[in-house]
Amino acid sequence: MVELLKRAGGFISLLISAGFLVAFVIIFFQGELAPQRDEGIAAHLFQILMPTQFLIIVFFAAKWLPQRPKAAFKVLALQAGAALAVLAVVYFRHL
C-alpha cells in the first residue's frame, strides 16, 4: 500500500483533499466559513479540483486494481474517504 501511495495517482488526490480540509479549518477559525452571495476564487478552485480529483482516482483504479488489487483497494478507500470528508464539509456547512 505504501508503495502505491508513493505514485502520483496515489497521493495527488489525497493532497487535494488535505489542502481543502486545511483551508476549511483556517477559514473556519477566521470566522468566514459561511455561504457567500458571490462565488469567489475558493469556490472556483473547488469546482475545478474536485472533478479533477475524481479523474485521478479513476485512472489510479484503472491502472493499479488489475496489478495489485488488495493494496489498490486500500489506497482507493483512503482517497474516497478524503474526498467524502471534503464534500461533507461543503454539504453540512451549506457552502
PDB file of N, CA and C in Angstrom:
ATOM      1  N   MET A   1       0.827  -1.191   0.000  1.00  0.00           N
ATOM      2  CA  MET A   1       0.000   0.000   0.000  1.00  0.00           C
ATOM      3  C   MET A   1       0.868   1.251   0.000  1.00  0.00           C
ATOM      4  N   VAL A   2       1.905   1.266   0.806  1.00  0.00           N
ATOM      5  CA  VAL A   2       2.775   2.439   0.887  1.00  0.00           C
ATOM      6  C   VAL A   2       3.440   2.698  -0.463  1.00  0.00           C
ATOM      7  N   GLU A   3       3.780   1.623  -1.158  1.00  0.00           N
ATOM      8  CA  GLU A   3       4.398   1.771  -2.479  1.00  0.00           C
ATOM      9  C   GLU A   3       3.460   2.485  -3.446  1.00  0.00           C
ATOM     10  N   LEU A   4       2.163   2.177  -3.370  1.00  0.00           N
ATOM     11  CA  LEU A   4       1.194   2.823  -4.262  1.00  0.00           C
ATOM     12  C   LEU A   4       0.937   4.271  -3.852  1.00  0.00           C
ATOM     13  N   LEU A   5       1.079   4.564  -2.566  1.00  0.00           N
ATOM     14  CA  LEU A   5       0.912   5.954  -2.137  1.00  0.00           C
ATOM     15  C   LEU A   5       2.055   6.837  -2.619  1.00  0.00           C
ATOM     16  N   LYS A   6       3.183   6.236  -2.945  1.00  0.00           N
ATOM     17  CA  LYS A   6       4.314   6.999  -3.469  1.00  0.00           C
ATOM     18  C   LYS A   6       4.116   7.354  -4.942  1.00  0.00           C
ATOM     19  N   ARG A   7       3.202   6.702  -5.609  1.00  0.00           N
ATOM     20  CA  ARG A   7       2.892   7.005  -7.009  1.00  0.00           C
ATOM     21  C   ARG A   7       2.056   8.274  -7.080  1.00  0.00           C
ATOM     22  N   ALA A   8       2.190   8.979  -8.187  1.00  0.00           N
ATOM     23  CA  ALA A   8       1.473  10.255  -8.335  1.00  0.00           C
ATOM     24  C   ALA A   8      -0.037  10.081  -8.193  1.00  0.00           C
ATOM     25  N   GLY A   9      -0.587   9.057  -8.803  1.00  0.00           N
ATOM     26  CA  GLY A   9      -2.026   8.837  -8.720  1.00  0.00           C
ATOM     27  C   GLY A   9      -2.491   8.487  -7.322  1.00  0.00           C
ATOM     28  N   GLY A  10      -1.587   7.991  -6.509  1.00  0.00           N
ATOM     29  CA  GLY A  10      -1.955   7.618  -5.145  1.00  0.00           C
ATOM     30  C   GLY A  10      -2.006   8.781  -4.189  1.00  0.00           C
ATOM     31  N   PHE A  11      -1.107   9.743  -4.347  1.00  0.00           N
ATOM     32  CA  PHE A  11      -1.052  10.810  -3.340  1.00  0.00           C
ATOM     33  C   PHE A  11      -1.602  12.155  -3.807  1.00  0.00           C
ATOM     34  N   ILE A  12      -1.701  12.392  -5.099  1.00  0.00           N
ATOM     35  CA  ILE A  12      -2.185  13.712  -5.552  1.00  0.00           C
ATOM     36  C   ILE A  12      -3.618  13.962  -5.108  1.00  0.00           C
ATOM     37  N   SER A  13      -4.477  12.957  -5.234  1.00  0.00           N
ATOM     38  CA  SER A  13      -5.865  13.164  -4.808  1.00  0.00           C
ATOM     39  C   SER A  13      -5.954  13.372  -3.300  1.00  0.00           C
ATOM     40  N   LEU A  14      -5.070  12.705  -2.546  1.00  0.00           N
ATOM     41  CA  LEU A  14      -5.055  12.922  -1.097  1.00  0.00           C
ATOM     42  C   LEU A  14      -4.571  14.342  -0.763  1.00  0.00           C
ATOM     43  N   LEU A  15      -3.612  14.842  -1.533  1.00  0.00           N
ATOM     44  CA  LEU A  15      -3.134  16.211  -1.314  1.00  0.00           C
ATOM     45  C   LEU A  15      -4.221  17.245  -1.613  1.00  0.00           C
ATOM     46  N   ILE A  16      -5.000  17.000  -2.651  1.00  0.00           N
ATOM     47  CA  ILE A  16      -6.092  17.923  -2.983  1.00  0.00           C
ATOM     48  C   ILE A  16      -7.089  17.980  -1.830  1.00  0.00           C
ATOM     49  N   SER A  17      -7.504  16.818  -1.339  1.00  0.00           N
ATOM     50  CA  SER A  17      -8.465  16.782  -0.223  1.00  0.00           C
ATOM     51  C   SER A  17      -7.877  17.399   1.032  1.00  0.00           C
ATOM     52  N   ALA A  18      -6.631  17.072   1.327  1.00  0.00           N
ATOM     53  CA  ALA A  18      -5.990  17.636   2.519  1.00  0.00           C
ATOM     54  C   ALA A  18      -5.879  19.151   2.405  1.00  0.00           C
ATOM     55  N   GLY A  19      -5.575  19.636   1.229  1.00  0.00           N
ATOM     56  CA  GLY A  19      -5.492  21.085   1.020  1.00  0.00           C
ATOM     57  C   GLY A  19      -6.819  21.765   1.283  1.00  0.00           C
ATOM     58  N   PHE A  20      -7.901  21.174   0.783  1.00  0.00           N
ATOM     59  CA  PHE A  20      -9.220  21.747   1.037  1.00  0.00           C
ATOM     60  C   PHE A  20      -9.570  21.711   2.524  1.00  0.00           C
ATOM     61  N   LEU A  21      -9.274  20.587   3.192  1.00  0.00           N
ATOM     62  CA  LEU A  21      -9.600  20.489   4.615  1.00  0.00           C
ATOM     63  C   LEU A  21      -8.803  21.493   5.444  1.00  0.00           C
ATOM     64  N   VAL A  22      -7.537  21.674   5.109  1.00  0.00           N
ATOM     65  CA  VAL A  22      -6.727  22.676   5.813  1.00  0.00           C
ATOM     66  C   VAL A  22      -7.285  24.076   5.553  1.00  0.00           C
ATOM     67  N   ALA A  23      -7.660  24.347   4.328  1.00  0.00           N
ATOM     68  CA  ALA A  23      -8.243  25.655   4.001  1.00  0.00           C
ATOM     69  C   ALA A  23      -9.550  25.881   4.765  1.00  0.00           C
ATOM     70  N   PHE A  24     -10.385  24.835   4.862  1.00  0.00           N
ATOM     71  CA  PHE A  24     -11.639  24.964   5.607  1.00  0.00           C
ATOM     72  C   PHE A  24     -11.377  25.268   7.074  1.00  0.00           C
ATOM     73  N   VAL A  25     -10.398  24.604   7.661  1.00  0.00           N
ATOM     74  CA  VAL A  25     -10.071  24.833   9.074  1.00  0.00           C
ATOM     75  C   VAL A  25      -9.565  26.263   9.274  1.00  0.00           C
ATOM     76  N   ILE A  26      -8.678  26.717   8.417  1.00  0.00           N
ATOM     77  CA  ILE A  26      -8.143  28.085   8.538  1.00  0.00           C
ATOM     78  C   ILE A  26      -9.258  29.103   8.391  1.00  0.00           C
ATOM     79  N   ILE A  27     -10.094  28.922   7.379  1.00  0.00           N
ATOM     80  CA  ILE A  27     -11.187  29.868   7.153  1.00  0.00           C
ATOM     81  C   ILE A  27     -12.194  29.804   8.299  1.00  0.00           C
ATOM     82  N   PHE A  28     -12.419  28.601   8.855  1.00  0.00           N
ATOM     83  CA  PHE A  28     -13.346  28.459   9.972  1.00  0.00           C
ATOM     84  C   PHE A  28     -12.870  29.265  11.173  1.00  0.00           C
ATOM     85  N   PHE A  29     -11.581  29.171  11.493  1.00  0.00           N
ATOM     86  CA  PHE A  29     -11.065  29.903  12.650  1.00  0.00           C
ATOM     87  C   PHE A  29     -10.983  31.406  12.397  1.00  0.00           C
ATOM     88  N   GLN A  30     -11.016  31.811  11.154  1.00  0.00           N
ATOM     89  CA  GLN A  30     -11.094  33.240  10.846  1.00  0.00           C
ATOM     90  C   GLN A  30     -12.529  33.731  10.927  1.00  0.00           C
ATOM     91  N   GLY A  31     -13.471  32.810  11.053  1.00  0.00           N
ATOM     92  CA  GLY A  31     -14.871  33.172  11.184  1.00  0.00           C
ATOM     93  C   GLY A  31     -15.548  33.497   9.867  1.00  0.00           C
ATOM     94  N   GLU A  32     -14.989  33.024   8.777  1.00  0.00           N
ATOM     95  CA  GLU A  32     -15.535  33.367   7.464  1.00  0.00           C
ATOM     96  C   GLU A  32     -16.087  32.161   6.712  1.00  0.00           C
ATOM     97  N   LEU A  33     -16.248  31.022   7.367  1.00  0.00           N
ATOM     98  CA  LEU A  33     -16.744  29.829   6.700  1.00  0.00           C
ATOM     99  C   LEU A  33     -18.271  29.855   6.732  1.00  0.00           C
ATOM    100  N   ALA A  34     -18.838  30.581   5.784  1.00  0.00           N
ATOM    101  CA  ALA A  34     -20.279  30.732   5.666  1.00  0.00           C
ATOM    102  C   ALA A  34     -20.616  30.873   4.187  1.00  0.00           C
ATOM    103  N   PRO A  35     -21.844  30.577   3.820  1.00  0.00           N
ATOM    104  CA  PRO A  35     -22.226  30.750   2.419  1.00  0.00           C
ATOM    105  C   PRO A  35     -22.040  32.204   1.969  1.00  0.00           C
ATOM    106  N   GLN A  36     -21.548  32.374   0.768  1.00  0.00           N
ATOM    107  CA  GLN A  36     -21.307  33.706   0.214  1.00  0.00           C
ATOM    108  C   GLN A  36     -22.325  33.988  -0.885  1.00  0.00           C
ATOM    109  N   ARG A  37     -22.637  35.259  -1.083  1.00  0.00           N
ATOM    110  CA  ARG A  37     -23.556  35.633  -2.152  1.00  0.00           C
ATOM    111  C   ARG A  37     -22.910  35.422  -3.514  1.00  0.00           C
ATOM    112  N   ASP A  38     -21.635  35.774  -3.612  1.00  0.00           N
ATOM    113  CA  ASP A  38     -20.914  35.661  -4.867  1.00  0.00           C
ATOM    114  C   ASP A  38     -19.816  34.619  -4.708  1.00  0.00           C
ATOM    115  N   GLU A  39     -19.695  33.745  -5.695  1.00  0.00           N
ATOM    116  CA  GLU A  39     -18.644  32.735  -5.623  1.00  0.00           C
ATOM    117  C   GLU A  39     -17.294  33.388  -5.817  1.00  0.00           C
ATOM    118  N   GLY A  40     -16.373  33.068  -4.948  1.00  0.00           N
ATOM    119  CA  GLY A  40     -15.030  33.609  -5.045  1.00  0.00           C
ATOM    120  C   GLY A  40     -14.079  32.604  -5.675  1.00  0.00           C
ATOM    121  N   ILE A  41     -12.809  32.900  -5.546  1.00  0.00           N
ATOM    122  CA  ILE A  41     -11.785  32.040  -6.118  1.00  0.00           C
ATOM    123  C   ILE A  41     -11.780  30.670  -5.468  1.00  0.00           C
ATOM    124  N   ALA A  42     -12.093  30.594  -4.185  1.00  0.00           N
ATOM    125  CA  ALA A  42     -12.105  29.293  -3.492  1.00  0.00           C
ATOM    126  C   ALA A  42     -13.175  28.375  -4.088  1.00  0.00           C
ATOM    127  N   ALA A  43     -14.333  28.918  -4.382  1.00  0.00           N
ATOM    128  CA  ALA A  43     -15.401  28.109  -4.972  1.00  0.00           C
ATOM    129  C   ALA A  43     -15.018  27.626  -6.364  1.00  0.00           C
ATOM    130  N   HIS A  44     -14.378  28.480  -7.124  1.00  0.00           N
ATOM    131  CA  HIS A  44     -13.960  28.082  -8.466  1.00  0.00           C
ATOM    132  C   HIS A  44     -12.867  27.014  -8.413  1.00  0.00           C
ATOM    133  N   LEU A  45     -11.936  27.153  -7.493  1.00  0.00           N
ATOM    134  CA  LEU A  45     -10.911  26.119  -7.327  1.00  0.00           C
ATOM    135  C   LEU A  45     -11.548  24.791  -6.932  1.00  0.00           C
ATOM    136  N   PHE A  46     -12.519  24.841  -6.047  1.00  0.00           N
ATOM    137  CA  PHE A  46     -13.217  23.632  -5.633  1.00  0.00           C
ATOM    138  C   PHE A  46     -13.905  22.979  -6.830  1.00  0.00           C
ATOM    139  N   GLN A  47     -14.568  23.793  -7.647  1.00  0.00           N
ATOM    140  CA  GLN A  47     -15.299  23.264  -8.799  1.00  0.00           C
ATOM    141  C   GLN A  47     -14.377  22.688  -9.863  1.00  0.00           C
ATOM    142  N   ILE A  48     -13.157  23.141  -9.911  1.00  0.00           N
ATOM    143  CA  ILE A  48     -12.189  22.607 -10.877  1.00  0.00           C
ATOM    144  C   ILE A  48     -11.464  21.390 -10.309  1.00  0.00           C
ATOM    145  N   LEU A  49     -11.039  21.475  -9.058  1.00  0.00           N
ATOM    146  CA  LEU A  49     -10.187  20.429  -8.494  1.00  0.00           C
ATOM    147  C   LEU A  49     -10.934  19.166  -8.079  1.00  0.00           C
ATOM    148  N   MET A  50     -12.175  19.264  -7.665  1.00  0.00           N
ATOM    149  CA  MET A  50     -12.889  18.056  -7.251  1.00  0.00           C
ATOM    150  C   MET A  50     -13.155  17.116  -8.430  1.00  0.00           C
ATOM    151  N   PRO A  51     -13.625  17.589  -9.590  1.00  0.00           N
ATOM    152  CA  PRO A  51     -13.737  16.666 -10.727  1.00  0.00           C
ATOM    153  C   PRO A  51     -12.377  16.146 -11.195  1.00  0.00           C
ATOM    154  N   THR A  52     -11.356  16.985 -11.107  1.00  0.00           N
ATOM    155  CA  THR A  52     -10.006  16.539 -11.456  1.00  0.00           C
ATOM    156  C   THR A  52      -9.563  15.437 -10.516  1.00  0.00           C
ATOM    157  N   GLN A  53      -9.869  15.593  -9.244  1.00  0.00           N
ATOM    158  CA  GLN A  53      -9.528  14.569  -8.261  1.00  0.00           C
ATOM    159  C   GLN A  53     -10.240  13.258  -8.593  1.00  0.00           C
ATOM    160  N   PHE A  54     -11.490  13.349  -8.985  1.00  0.00           N
ATOM    161  CA  PHE A  54     -12.241  12.151  -9.357  1.00  0.00           C
ATOM    162  C   PHE A  54     -11.572  11.439 -10.538  1.00  0.00           C
ATOM    163  N   LEU A  55     -11.146  12.198 -11.537  1.00  0.00           N
ATOM    164  CA  LEU A  55     -10.472  11.597 -12.689  1.00  0.00           C
ATOM    165  C   LEU A  55      -9.154  10.936 -12.294  1.00  0.00           C
ATOM    166  N   ILE A  56      -8.419  11.563 -11.393  1.00  0.00           N
ATOM    167  CA  ILE A  56      -7.162  10.979 -10.913  1.00  0.00           C
ATOM    168  C   ILE A  56      -7.432   9.643 -10.226  1.00  0.00           C
ATOM    169  N   ILE A  57      -8.494   9.592  -9.423  1.00  0.00           N
ATOM    170  CA  ILE A  57      -8.848   8.355  -8.730  1.00  0.00           C
ATOM    171  C   ILE A  57      -9.248   7.269  -9.727  1.00  0.00           C
ATOM    172  N   VAL A  58     -10.005   7.647 -10.749  1.00  0.00           N
ATOM    173  CA  VAL A  58     -10.425   6.670 -11.770  1.00  0.00           C
ATOM    174  C   VAL A  58      -9.215   6.111 -12.507  1.00  0.00           C
ATOM    175  N   PHE A  59      -8.283   6.975 -12.904  1.00  0.00           N
ATOM    176  CA  PHE A  59      -7.089   6.499 -13.598  1.00  0.00           C
ATOM    177  C   PHE A  59      -6.220   5.632 -12.686  1.00  0.00           C
ATOM    178  N   PHE A  60      -6.132   5.997 -11.418  1.00  0.00           N
ATOM    179  CA  PHE A  60      -5.391   5.184 -10.464  1.00  0.00           C
ATOM    180  C   PHE A  60      -6.012   3.794 -10.362  1.00  0.00           C
ATOM    181  N   ALA A  61      -7.335   3.752 -10.252  1.00  0.00           N
ATOM    182  CA  ALA A  61      -8.024   2.464 -10.138  1.00  0.00           C
ATOM    183  C   ALA A  61      -7.833   1.631 -11.399  1.00  0.00           C
ATOM    184  N   ALA A  62      -7.924   2.261 -12.555  1.00  0.00           N
ATOM    185  CA  ALA A  62      -7.777   1.523 -13.809  1.00  0.00           C
ATOM    186  C   ALA A  62      -6.373   0.935 -13.952  1.00  0.00           C
ATOM    187  N   LYS A  63      -5.379   1.641 -13.463  1.00  0.00           N
ATOM    188  CA  LYS A  63      -4.012   1.154 -13.602  1.00  0.00           C
ATOM    189  C   LYS A  63      -3.655   0.110 -12.547  1.00  0.00           C
ATOM    190  N   TRP A  64      -4.002   0.347 -11.280  1.00  0.00           N
ATOM    191  CA  TRP A  64      -3.474  -0.479 -10.199  1.00  0.00           C
ATOM    192  C   TRP A  64      -4.399  -1.591  -9.717  1.00  0.00           C
ATOM    193  N   LEU A  65      -5.698  -1.506  -9.947  1.00  0.00           N
ATOM    194  CA  LEU A  65      -6.572  -2.598  -9.500  1.00  0.00           C
ATOM    195  C   LEU A  65      -6.246  -3.933 -10.183  1.00  0.00           C
ATOM    196  N   PRO A  66      -5.986  -3.956 -11.482  1.00  0.00           N
ATOM    197  CA  PRO A  66      -5.624  -5.247 -12.085  1.00  0.00           C
ATOM    198  C   PRO A  66      -4.269  -5.774 -11.608  1.00  0.00           C
ATOM    199  N   GLN A  67      -3.330  -4.889 -11.296  1.00  0.00           N
ATOM    200  CA  GLN A  67      -1.984  -5.320 -10.939  1.00  0.00           C
ATOM    201  C   GLN A  67      -1.849  -5.687  -9.465  1.00  0.00           C
ATOM    202  N   ARG A  68      -2.357  -4.829  -8.582  1.00  0.00           N
ATOM    203  CA  ARG A  68      -2.225  -5.044  -7.131  1.00  0.00           C
ATOM    204  C   ARG A  68      -3.558  -4.707  -6.455  1.00  0.00           C
ATOM    205  N   PRO A  69      -4.536  -5.588  -6.568  1.00  0.00           N
ATOM    206  CA  PRO A  69      -5.889  -5.248  -6.106  1.00  0.00           C
ATOM    207  C   PRO A  69      -6.001  -4.949  -4.608  1.00  0.00           C
ATOM    208  N   LYS A  70      -5.345  -5.719  -3.761  1.00  0.00           N
ATOM    209  CA  LYS A  70      -5.505  -5.519  -2.314  1.00  0.00           C
ATOM    210  C   LYS A  70      -4.953  -4.156  -1.885  1.00  0.00           C
ATOM    211  N   ALA A  71      -3.747  -3.825  -2.308  1.00  0.00           N
ATOM    212  CA  ALA A  71      -3.147  -2.532  -1.959  1.00  0.00           C
ATOM    213  C   ALA A  71      -3.905  -1.393  -2.618  1.00  0.00           C
ATOM    214  N   ALA A  72      -4.353  -1.603  -3.853  1.00  0.00           N
ATOM    215  CA  ALA A  72      -5.083  -0.546  -4.565  1.00  0.00           C
ATOM    216  C   ALA A  72      -6.406  -0.239  -3.875  1.00  0.00           C
ATOM    217  N   PHE A  73      -7.109  -1.267  -3.385  1.00  0.00           N
ATOM    218  CA  PHE A  73      -8.368  -1.023  -2.674  1.00  0.00           C
ATOM    219  C   PHE A  73      -8.142  -0.205  -1.407  1.00  0.00           C
ATOM    220  N   LYS A  74      -7.048  -0.458  -0.712  1.00  0.00           N
ATOM    221  CA  LYS A  74      -6.760   0.323   0.493  1.00  0.00           C
ATOM    222  C   LYS A  74      -6.518   1.786   0.157  1.00  0.00           C
ATOM    223  N   VAL A  75      -5.750   2.029  -0.890  1.00  0.00           N
ATOM    224  CA  VAL A  75      -5.475   3.409  -1.298  1.00  0.00           C
ATOM    225  C   VAL A  75      -6.752   4.068  -1.799  1.00  0.00           C
ATOM    226  N   LEU A  76      -7.555   3.336  -2.560  1.00  0.00           N
ATOM    227  CA  LEU A  76      -8.829   3.883  -3.039  1.00  0.00           C
ATOM    228  C   LEU A  76      -9.761   4.226  -1.882  1.00  0.00           C
ATOM    229  N   ALA A  77      -9.740   3.414  -0.830  1.00  0.00           N
ATOM    230  CA  ALA A  77     -10.562   3.714   0.348  1.00  0.00           C
ATOM    231  C   ALA A  77     -10.100   5.012   1.013  1.00  0.00           C
ATOM    232  N   LEU A  78      -8.795   5.211   1.110  1.00  0.00           N
ATOM    233  CA  LEU A  78      -8.273   6.469   1.653  1.00  0.00           C
ATOM    234  C   LEU A  78      -8.679   7.657   0.790  1.00  0.00           C
ATOM    235  N   GLN A  79      -8.541   7.505  -0.516  1.00  0.00           N
ATOM    236  CA  GLN A  79      -8.881   8.584  -1.437  1.00  0.00           C
ATOM    237  C   GLN A  79     -10.369   8.920  -1.368  1.00  0.00           C
ATOM    238  N   ALA A  80     -11.205   7.894  -1.341  1.00  0.00           N
ATOM    239  CA  ALA A  80     -12.649   8.118  -1.268  1.00  0.00           C
ATOM    240  C   ALA A  80     -13.039   8.753   0.061  1.00  0.00           C
ATOM    241  N   GLY A  81     -12.439   8.292   1.137  1.00  0.00           N
ATOM    242  CA  GLY A  81     -12.734   8.883   2.446  1.00  0.00           C
ATOM    243  C   GLY A  81     -12.333  10.340   2.528  1.00  0.00           C
ATOM    244  N   ALA A  82     -11.185  10.668   1.976  1.00  0.00           N
ATOM    245  CA  ALA A  82     -10.731  12.058   1.988  1.00  0.00           C
ATOM    246  C   ALA A  82     -11.649  12.939   1.143  1.00  0.00           C
ATOM    247  N   ALA A  83     -12.038  12.450  -0.017  1.00  0.00           N
ATOM    248  CA  ALA A  83     -12.945  13.229  -0.871  1.00  0.00           C
ATOM    249  C   ALA A  83     -14.311  13.395  -0.210  1.00  0.00           C
ATOM    250  N   LEU A  84     -14.807  12.344   0.424  1.00  0.00           N
ATOM    251  CA  LEU A  84     -16.097  12.440   1.109  1.00  0.00           C
ATOM    252  C   LEU A  84     -16.041  13.384   2.303  1.00  0.00           C
ATOM    253  N   ALA A  85     -14.907  13.461   2.978  1.00  0.00           N
ATOM    254  CA  ALA A  85     -14.765  14.400   4.096  1.00  0.00           C
ATOM    255  C   ALA A  85     -14.893  15.837   3.597  1.00  0.00           C
ATOM    256  N   VAL A  86     -14.278  16.125   2.468  1.00  0.00           N
ATOM    257  CA  VAL A  86     -14.375  17.473   1.892  1.00  0.00           C
ATOM    258  C   VAL A  86     -15.813  17.765   1.470  1.00  0.00           C
ATOM    259  N   LEU A  87     -16.437  16.820   0.802  1.00  0.00           N
ATOM    260  CA  LEU A  87     -17.819  17.022   0.362  1.00  0.00           C
ATOM    261  C   LEU A  87     -18.775  17.150   1.547  1.00  0.00           C
ATOM    262  N   ALA A  88     -18.489  16.448   2.635  1.00  0.00           N
ATOM    263  CA  ALA A  88     -19.336  16.562   3.830  1.00  0.00           C
ATOM    264  C   ALA A  88     -19.256  17.952   4.433  1.00  0.00           C
ATOM    265  N   VAL A  89     -18.061  18.528   4.472  1.00  0.00           N
ATOM    266  CA  VAL A  89     -17.920  19.902   4.991  1.00  0.00           C
ATOM    267  C   VAL A  89     -18.735  20.858   4.140  1.00  0.00           C
ATOM    268  N   VAL A  90     -18.630  20.724   2.844  1.00  0.00           N
ATOM    269  CA  VAL A  90     -19.357  21.614   1.935  1.00  0.00           C
ATOM    270  C   VAL A  90     -20.857  21.435   2.105  1.00  0.00           C
ATOM    271  N   TYR A  91     -21.310  20.187   2.218  1.00  0.00           N
ATOM    272  CA  TYR A  91     -22.736  19.915   2.342  1.00  0.00           C
ATOM    273  C   TYR A  91     -23.304  20.409   3.670  1.00  0.00           C
ATOM    274  N   PHE A  92     -22.645  20.046   4.770  1.00  0.00           N
ATOM    275  CA  PHE A  92     -23.195  20.377   6.080  1.00  0.00           C
ATOM    276  C   PHE A  92     -23.035  21.849   6.453  1.00  0.00           C
ATOM    277  N   ARG A  93     -22.068  22.539   5.875  1.00  0.00           N
ATOM    278  CA  ARG A  93     -21.920  23.972   6.116  1.00  0.00           C
ATOM    279  C   ARG A  93     -22.686  24.800   5.097  1.00  0.00           C
ATOM    280  N   HIS A  94     -23.374  24.124   4.173  1.00  0.00           N
ATOM    281  CA  HIS A  94     -24.181  24.788   3.133  1.00  0.00           C
ATOM    282  C   HIS A  94     -23.346  25.776   2.327  1.00  0.00           C
ATOM    283  N   LEU A  95     -22.162  25.326   1.953  1.00  0.00           N
ATOM    284  CA  LEU A  95     -21.275  26.188   1.182  1.00  0.00           C
ATOM    285  C   LEU A  95     -21.621  26.014  -0.253  1.00  0.00           C
TER     286      LEU A  95
END
